[in-house]
Amino acid sequence: MSSPMVTNPAALTAEEYFNPSSMHFIVSEQVVPIIDLMAISNALFAKLRDFITLRLPPGFPVKIGERRRS
């Protein structure tokens, strides 16, 4: 029985690999292309794509305080 070949093309150390602060996740580069493909045949993925790529004006989201009763 042979073991699968283990590769490390980025030459990361164990500390770098498991360090959460070193993980850079950019939605527009990594997830949106996959969602674009799925949106071709699925309306829910199309809505998700539209939501993720939506450009909101600065200051959003706005927190609205509770209404006080007199």
N, C-alpha and C. Protein backbone atom coordinates (compact mmCIF):
# COMPACT_ATOMS: atom_id res chain seq x y z
N MET A 1 0.85 -1.18 0.00
CA MET A 1 0.00 0.00 0.00
C MET A 1 0.89 1.23 0.00
N SER A 2 0.64 2.16 -0.91
CA SER A 2 1.46 3.37 -0.99
C SER A 2 0.70 4.55 -0.42
N SER A 3 1.42 5.50 0.13
CA SER A 3 0.78 6.69 0.69
C SER A 3 0.72 7.76 -0.39
N PRO A 4 -0.28 8.62 -0.33
CA PRO A 4 -0.37 9.68 -1.33
C PRO A 4 0.79 10.65 -1.18
N MET A 5 1.19 11.24 -2.29
CA MET A 5 2.30 12.18 -2.29
C MET A 5 1.86 13.48 -1.63
N VAL A 6 2.63 13.97 -0.69
CA VAL A 6 2.33 15.21 0.00
C VAL A 6 3.16 16.32 -0.63
N THR A 7 2.49 17.38 -1.03
CA THR A 7 3.21 18.50 -1.64
C THR A 7 2.94 19.77 -0.87
N ASN A 8 3.87 20.68 -0.98
CA ASN A 8 3.77 21.97 -0.34
C ASN A 8 4.32 23.00 -1.32
N PRO A 9 3.54 23.34 -2.36
CA PRO A 9 4.07 24.24 -3.39
C PRO A 9 4.38 25.64 -2.88
N ALA A 10 3.73 26.08 -1.82
CA ALA A 10 4.00 27.41 -1.28
C ALA A 10 5.12 27.41 -0.26
N ALA A 11 5.65 26.23 0.08
CA ALA A 11 6.72 26.06 1.06
C ALA A 11 6.38 26.71 2.40
N LEU A 12 5.13 26.47 2.86
CA LEU A 12 4.70 27.02 4.14
C LEU A 12 5.18 26.14 5.29
N THR A 13 5.53 26.79 6.39
CA THR A 13 5.84 26.05 7.60
C THR A 13 4.53 25.73 8.30
N ALA A 14 4.57 24.85 9.28
CA ALA A 14 3.37 24.51 10.04
C ALA A 14 2.82 25.74 10.76
N GLU A 15 3.70 26.58 11.27
CA GLU A 15 3.27 27.80 11.97
C GLU A 15 2.55 28.75 11.02
N GLU A 16 3.05 28.91 9.80
CA GLU A 16 2.41 29.78 8.82
C GLU A 16 1.06 29.22 8.39
N TYR A 17 1.01 27.91 8.20
CA TYR A 17 -0.21 27.26 7.72
C TYR A 17 -1.35 27.39 8.73
N PHE A 18 -1.06 27.23 10.01
CA PHE A 18 -2.10 27.25 11.03
C PHE A 18 -2.27 28.61 11.70
N ASN A 19 -1.59 29.64 11.24
CA ASN A 19 -1.72 30.97 11.80
C ASN A 19 -2.91 31.67 11.15
N PRO A 20 -4.01 31.91 11.90
CA PRO A 20 -5.20 32.49 11.29
C PRO A 20 -4.98 33.91 10.78
N SER A 21 -4.03 34.67 11.36
CA SER A 21 -3.81 36.03 10.90
C SER A 21 -3.10 36.08 9.56
N SER A 22 -2.50 34.98 9.13
CA SER A 22 -1.80 34.99 7.85
C SER A 22 -2.70 34.57 6.69
N MET A 23 -3.92 34.17 7.00
CA MET A 23 -4.84 33.76 5.94
C MET A 23 -5.48 34.99 5.32
N HIS A 24 -5.30 35.14 4.05
CA HIS A 24 -5.89 36.27 3.34
C HIS A 24 -6.95 35.72 2.40
N PHE A 25 -8.19 35.99 2.71
CA PHE A 25 -9.30 35.48 1.93
C PHE A 25 -9.95 36.66 1.22
N ILE A 26 -9.83 36.69 -0.10
CA ILE A 26 -10.41 37.76 -0.88
C ILE A 26 -11.58 37.19 -1.66
N VAL A 27 -12.78 37.59 -1.27
CA VAL A 27 -13.99 37.03 -1.85
C VAL A 27 -14.03 37.23 -3.35
N SER A 28 -13.70 38.43 -3.79
CA SER A 28 -13.83 38.72 -5.21
C SER A 28 -12.91 37.87 -6.07
N GLU A 29 -11.80 37.44 -5.54
CA GLU A 29 -10.86 36.65 -6.33
C GLU A 29 -11.08 35.15 -6.21
N GLN A 30 -11.64 34.69 -5.10
CA GLN A 30 -11.70 33.25 -4.86
C GLN A 30 -13.10 32.66 -4.93
N VAL A 31 -14.09 33.38 -4.50
CA VAL A 31 -15.43 32.81 -4.41
C VAL A 31 -16.34 33.25 -5.56
N VAL A 32 -16.25 34.51 -5.95
CA VAL A 32 -17.15 35.03 -6.97
C VAL A 32 -17.05 34.27 -8.30
N PRO A 33 -15.87 33.90 -8.78
CA PRO A 33 -15.85 33.12 -10.03
C PRO A 33 -16.60 31.79 -9.93
N ILE A 34 -16.55 31.14 -8.79
CA ILE A 34 -17.29 29.89 -8.60
C ILE A 34 -18.79 30.16 -8.57
N ILE A 35 -19.18 31.22 -7.88
CA ILE A 35 -20.60 31.57 -7.80
C ILE A 35 -21.11 31.98 -9.18
N ASP A 36 -20.28 32.66 -9.99
CA ASP A 36 -20.67 33.01 -11.36
C ASP A 36 -21.01 31.76 -12.16
N LEU A 37 -20.20 30.75 -12.04
CA LEU A 37 -20.46 29.50 -12.76
C LEU A 37 -21.75 28.84 -12.29
N MET A 38 -21.97 28.83 -10.98
CA MET A 38 -23.16 28.21 -10.44
C MET A 38 -24.42 29.02 -10.78
N ALA A 39 -24.27 30.34 -10.92
CA ALA A 39 -25.41 31.22 -11.20
C ALA A 39 -25.98 30.99 -12.59
N ILE A 40 -25.22 30.39 -13.48
CA ILE A 40 -25.70 30.12 -14.83
C ILE A 40 -26.93 29.22 -14.80
N SER A 41 -26.93 28.25 -13.91
CA SER A 41 -28.02 27.28 -13.89
C SER A 41 -28.87 27.32 -12.62
N ASN A 42 -28.60 28.27 -11.72
CA ASN A 42 -29.33 28.29 -10.46
C ASN A 42 -29.65 29.73 -10.06
N ALA A 43 -30.92 30.05 -9.95
CA ALA A 43 -31.35 31.42 -9.63
C ALA A 43 -30.91 31.86 -8.25
N LEU A 44 -30.82 30.92 -7.30
CA LEU A 44 -30.38 31.30 -5.95
C LEU A 44 -28.92 31.74 -5.94
N PHE A 45 -28.09 31.06 -6.73
CA PHE A 45 -26.70 31.49 -6.84
C PHE A 45 -26.59 32.84 -7.54
N ALA A 46 -27.49 33.10 -8.48
CA ALA A 46 -27.50 34.41 -9.15
C ALA A 46 -27.82 35.51 -8.15
N LYS A 47 -28.79 35.25 -7.26
CA LYS A 47 -29.11 36.24 -6.23
C LYS A 47 -27.96 36.42 -5.26
N LEU A 48 -27.29 35.31 -4.90
CA LEU A 48 -26.14 35.40 -4.00
C LEU A 48 -25.03 36.21 -4.65
N ARG A 49 -24.77 35.97 -5.94
CA ARG A 49 -23.75 36.73 -6.67
C ARG A 49 -24.08 38.21 -6.66
N ASP A 50 -25.34 38.55 -6.92
CA ASP A 50 -25.75 39.96 -6.93
C ASP A 50 -25.56 40.59 -5.56
N PHE A 51 -25.86 39.85 -4.51
CA PHE A 51 -25.71 40.38 -3.15
C PHE A 51 -24.23 40.59 -2.80
N ILE A 52 -23.39 39.62 -3.13
CA ILE A 52 -21.97 39.72 -2.79
C ILE A 52 -21.28 40.84 -3.56
N THR A 53 -21.66 41.04 -4.81
CA THR A 53 -21.00 42.05 -5.63
C THR A 53 -21.63 43.42 -5.51
N LEU A 54 -22.66 43.55 -4.69
CA LEU A 54 -23.34 44.82 -4.50
C LEU A 54 -22.39 45.83 -3.86
N ARG A 55 -22.35 47.02 -4.42
CA ARG A 55 -21.52 48.09 -3.86
C ARG A 55 -22.41 49.01 -3.02
N LEU A 56 -22.19 48.98 -1.72
CA LEU A 56 -22.97 49.82 -0.83
C LEU A 56 -22.24 51.14 -0.60
N PRO A 57 -22.98 52.22 -0.39
CA PRO A 57 -22.33 53.50 -0.13
C PRO A 57 -21.57 53.48 1.19
N PRO A 58 -20.58 54.35 1.36
CA PRO A 58 -19.83 54.40 2.62
C PRO A 58 -20.78 54.65 3.80
N GLY A 59 -20.50 54.01 4.91
CA GLY A 59 -21.33 54.18 6.10
C GLY A 59 -22.34 53.07 6.30
N PHE A 60 -22.47 52.19 5.34
CA PHE A 60 -23.38 51.06 5.49
C PHE A 60 -22.67 49.93 6.18
N PRO A 61 -23.29 49.14 6.95
CA PRO A 61 -24.67 49.24 7.37
C PRO A 61 -24.84 50.30 8.44
N VAL A 62 -26.02 50.82 8.52
CA VAL A 62 -26.33 51.86 9.50
C VAL A 62 -27.16 51.22 10.61
N LYS A 63 -26.73 51.42 11.84
CA LYS A 63 -27.49 50.90 12.96
C LYS A 63 -28.54 51.91 13.36
N ILE A 64 -29.77 51.46 13.44
CA ILE A 64 -30.87 52.33 13.82
C ILE A 64 -31.25 51.98 15.24
N GLY A 65 -31.25 53.01 16.10
CA GLY A 65 -31.53 52.79 17.51
C GLY A 65 -32.97 52.41 17.75
N GLU A 66 -33.21 51.92 18.97
CA GLU A 66 -34.56 51.53 19.34
C GLU A 66 -35.42 52.77 19.53
N ARG A 67 -36.67 52.60 19.22
CA ARG A 67 -37.61 53.70 19.35
C ARG A 67 -38.03 53.81 20.80
N ARG A 68 -37.97 55.01 21.34
CA ARG A 68 -38.37 55.22 22.73
C ARG A 68 -39.85 55.56 22.82
N ARG A 69 -40.49 54.97 23.82
CA ARG A 69 -41.91 55.28 24.04
C ARG A 69 -42.01 56.37 25.07
N SER A 70 -42.96 57.27 24.86
CA SER A 70 -43.15 58.39 25.81
C SER A 70 -44.12 58.05 26.89
